[in-house]
C-alpha atoms as a PDB file:
ATOM      1  CA  MET A   1       1.157 -27.721  -7.086  1.00  0.00           C
ATOM      2  CA  ALA A   2      -2.408 -26.491  -8.291  1.00  0.00           C
ATOM      3  CA  GLU A   3      -2.642 -24.435  -5.427  1.00  0.00           C
ATOM      4  CA  ALA A   4       0.477 -22.524  -6.486  1.00  0.00           C
ATOM      5  CA  ASP A   5      -0.807 -22.262  -9.717  1.00  0.00           C
ATOM      6  CA  LEU A   6      -4.192 -20.766  -8.538  1.00  0.00           C
ATOM      7  CA  GLU A   7      -2.268 -18.263  -6.242  1.00  0.00           C
ATOM      8  CA  ILE A   8      -0.176 -17.181  -9.537  1.00  0.00           C
ATOM      9  CA  LEU A   9      -3.324 -16.954 -11.279  1.00  0.00           C
ATOM     10  CA  ILE A  10      -4.949 -14.679  -8.698  1.00  0.00           C
ATOM     11  CA  ARG A  11      -1.802 -12.419  -8.898  1.00  0.00           C
ATOM     12  CA  SER A  12      -2.015 -12.603 -12.646  1.00  0.00           C
ATOM     13  CA  ILE A  13      -5.697 -11.363 -12.798  1.00  0.00           C
ATOM     14  CA  GLY A  14      -4.665  -8.339 -10.579  1.00  0.00           C
ATOM     15  CA  LYS A  15      -1.989  -7.423 -12.661  1.00  0.00           C
ATOM     16  CA  LYS A  16      -4.407  -7.572 -15.708  1.00  0.00           C
ATOM     17  CA  GLN A  17      -6.910  -5.618 -14.272  1.00  0.00           C
ATOM     18  CA  ARG A  18      -4.325  -2.949 -13.201  1.00  0.00           C
ATOM     19  CA  LYS A  19      -2.834  -2.715 -16.670  1.00  0.00           C
ATOM     20  CA  SER A  20      -6.410  -2.374 -18.495  1.00  0.00           C
ATOM     21  CA  LEU A  21      -7.295   0.383 -15.791  1.00  0.00           C
ATOM     22  CA  MET A  22      -4.250   2.172 -16.585  1.00  0.00           C
ATOM     23  CA  ASP A  23      -4.600   1.901 -20.125  1.00  0.00           C
ATOM     24  CA  ALA A  24      -8.303   3.270 -19.791  1.00  0.00           C
ATOM     25  CA  ALA A  25      -6.893   6.177 -17.617  1.00  0.00           C
ATOM     26  CA  LYS A  26      -4.193   7.086 -20.029  1.00  0.00           C
ATOM     27  CA  LYS A  27      -6.689   7.357 -22.880  1.00  0.00           C
ATOM     28  CA  ARG A  28      -8.988   9.498 -20.882  1.00  0.00           C
ATOM     29  CA  HIS A  29      -5.991  11.536 -19.811  1.00  0.00           C
ATOM     30  CA  ALA A  30      -4.949  11.975 -23.495  1.00  0.00           C
ATOM     31  CA  ARG A  31      -8.637  12.850 -24.530  1.00  0.00           C
ATOM     32  CA  LEU A  32      -8.882  15.514 -21.649  1.00  0.00           C
ATOM     33  CA  MET A  33      -5.564  17.041 -22.774  1.00  0.00           C
ATOM     34  CA  GLY A  34      -6.767  17.278 -26.298  1.00  0.00           C
ATOM     35  CA  LEU A  35      -9.767  19.226 -25.147  1.00  0.00           C
ATOM     36  CA  ALA A  36      -7.462  21.263 -23.075  1.00  0.00           C
ATOM     37  CA  ALA A  37      -5.582  22.225 -26.262  1.00  0.00           C
ATOM     38  CA  LYS A  38      -8.817  22.933 -28.151  1.00  0.00           C
ATOM     39  CA  ALA A  39     -10.172  25.008 -25.520  1.00  0.00           C
ATOM     40  CA  GLY A  40     -10.694  28.626 -26.118  1.00  0.00           C
ATOM     41  CA  ASN A  41     -10.108  30.246 -23.070  1.00  0.00           C
ATOM     42  CA  LYS A  42      -7.500  29.901 -20.339  1.00  0.00           C
ATOM     43  CA  GLY A  43      -9.816  28.986 -17.517  1.00  0.00           C
ATOM     44  CA  ALA A  44     -11.252  25.924 -19.730  1.00  0.00           C
ATOM     45  CA  LYS A  45      -7.651  24.786 -20.768  1.00  0.00           C
ATOM     46  CA  ASP A  46      -6.676  24.889 -16.852  1.00  0.00           C
ATOM     47  CA  ARG A  47      -9.762  23.024 -15.914  1.00  0.00           C
ATOM     48  CA  PHE A  48      -9.314  20.414 -18.444  1.00  0.00           C
ATOM     49  CA  ARG A  49      -5.673  19.984 -17.549  1.00  0.00           C
ATOM     50  CA  GLN A  50      -6.643  19.578 -13.570  1.00  0.00           C
ATOM     51  CA  ILE A  51      -9.301  17.053 -14.526  1.00  0.00           C
ATOM     52  CA  ALA A  52      -6.803  15.201 -16.667  1.00  0.00           C
ATOM     53  CA  LYS A  53      -4.258  15.309 -13.784  1.00  0.00           C
ATOM     54  CA  THR A  54      -6.647  14.235 -11.281  1.00  0.00           C
ATOM     55  CA  THR A  55      -8.187  11.527 -13.404  1.00  0.00           C
ATOM     56  CA  LEU A  56      -4.597   9.953 -13.679  1.00  0.00           C
ATOM     57  CA  ALA A  57      -3.851  10.349  -9.890  1.00  0.00           C
ATOM     58  CA  MET A  58      -7.109   8.897  -9.042  1.00  0.00           C
ATOM     59  CA  ALA A  59      -6.466   5.780 -11.532  1.00  0.00           C
ATOM     60  CA  ASN A  60      -3.052   5.235 -10.225  1.00  0.00           C
ATOM     61  CA  ALA A  61      -4.410   4.996  -6.578  1.00  0.00           C
ATOM     62  CA  ALA A  62      -7.221   2.726  -7.717  1.00  0.00           C
ATOM     63  CA  ALA A  63      -4.825   0.596  -9.826  1.00  0.00           C
ATOM     64  CA  ARG A  64      -2.506   0.174  -6.632  1.00  0.00           C
ATOM     65  CA  ARG A  65      -5.501  -0.782  -4.410  1.00  0.00           C
ATOM     66  CA  LEU A  66      -6.536  -3.340  -7.065  1.00  0.00           C
ATOM     67  CA  GLN A  67      -2.876  -4.882  -7.092  1.00  0.00           C
ATOM     68  CA  VAL A  68      -2.790  -4.903  -3.321  1.00  0.00           C
ATOM     69  CA  THR A  69      -6.134  -6.633  -3.095  1.00  0.00           C
ATOM     70  CA  ALA A  70      -5.214  -9.353  -5.463  1.00  0.00           C
ATOM     71  CA  GLU A  71      -1.771  -9.873  -3.627  1.00  0.00           C
ATOM     72  CA  ASN A  72      -3.637 -10.124  -0.528  1.00  0.00           C
ATOM     73  CA  ALA A  73      -6.077 -12.575  -1.809  1.00  0.00           C
ATOM     74  CA  ALA A  74      -3.352 -14.705  -3.298  1.00  0.00           C
ATOM     75  CA  ASP A  75      -1.462 -14.544   0.000  1.00  0.00           C
ATOM     76  CA  SER A  76      -4.607 -15.333   2.016  1.00  0.00           C
ATOM     77  CA  TYR A  77      -5.302 -18.313  -0.426  1.00  0.00           C
ATOM     78  CA  ALA A  78      -1.679 -19.604  -0.096  1.00  0.00           C
ATOM     79  CA  ARG A  79      -2.010 -19.551   3.739  1.00  0.00           C
ATOM     80  CA  ALA A  80      -5.246 -21.219   3.742  1.00  0.00           C
ATOM     81  CA  MET A  81      -4.052 -24.019   1.396  1.00  0.00           C
ATOM     82  CA  LYS A  82      -1.068 -24.416   3.683  1.00  0.00           C
ATOM     83  CA  ARG A  83      -3.252 -24.736   7.015  1.00  0.00           C
ATOM     84  CA  ALA A  84      -5.624 -27.293   5.412  1.00  0.00           C
ATOM     85  CA  ALA A  85      -2.618 -29.332   4.119  1.00  0.00           C
ATOM     86  CA  GLU A  86      -1.143 -29.144   7.801  1.00  0.00           C
ATOM     87  CA  GLU A  87      -4.615 -30.101   9.230  1.00  0.00           C
ATOM     88  CA  ILE A  88      -4.780 -33.162   6.889  1.00  0.00           C
ATOM     89  CA  GLU A  89      -1.437 -34.353   7.939  1.00  0.00           C
ATOM     90  CA  ALA A  90      -2.199 -33.955  11.668  1.00  0.00           C
ATOM     91  CA  ALA A  91      -5.536 -35.760  11.148  1.00  0.00           C
ATOM     92  CA  GLU A  92      -3.577 -38.771   9.477  1.00  0.00           C
ATOM     93  CA  GLU A  93      -0.842 -38.844  12.124  1.00  0.00           C
ATOM     94  CA  LYS A  94      -3.437 -38.789  15.002  1.00  0.00           C
ATOM     95  CA  ARG A  95      -5.286 -41.796  13.231  1.00  0.00           C
ATOM     96  CA  ALA A  96      -2.020 -43.709  12.837  1.00  0.00           C
ATOM     97  CA  LYS A  97      -1.207 -43.100  16.436  1.00  0.00           C
ATOM     98  CA  LYS A  98      -4.772 -44.246  17.354  1.00  0.00           C
ATOM     99  CA  ALA A  99      -4.419 -47.462  15.120  1.00  0.00           C
ATOM    100  CA  VAL A 100      -1.044 -48.228  16.977  1.00  0.00           C
ATOM    101  CA  LYS A 101      -2.669 -47.604  20.296  1.00  0.00           C
ATOM    102  CA  ASN A 102      -5.723 -49.788  19.564  1.00  0.00           C
ATOM    103  CA  GLY A 103      -3.512 -52.596  18.165  1.00  0.00           C
ATOM    104  CA  ILE A 104      -1.370 -52.618  21.547  1.00  0.00           C
ATOM    105  CA  LYS A 105      -4.516 -52.813  23.769  1.00  0.00           C
ATOM    106  CA  LYS A 106      -5.934 -55.757  21.525  1.00  0.00           C
ATOM    107  CA  LYS A 107      -2.692 -57.617  22.003  1.00  0.00           C
ATOM    108  CA  GLY A 108      -2.210 -56.859  25.815  1.00  0.00           C
END
């Protein structure tokens, strides 16, 4: 059960990081759009608008990568825990079979 909790925790951390990144990007976008509105000439306005647009696009891409990375890490962790549980179970079965086999040899 703890494995599932940790997997969920990894996913939630990824979501939180994505949200904080997008919040910061939106603030920067708003600041740049404000600078564009105050700019004196058309060239400066266009430049600030383009920087704002690019900032938001790059932040979206980075946030998407963060989310995918967190999901991949959580999936990898879940697979590793499942594999470890299966290995423990297989080792226990092997020990049990060996004990039964040794018991038969001693009686015979």
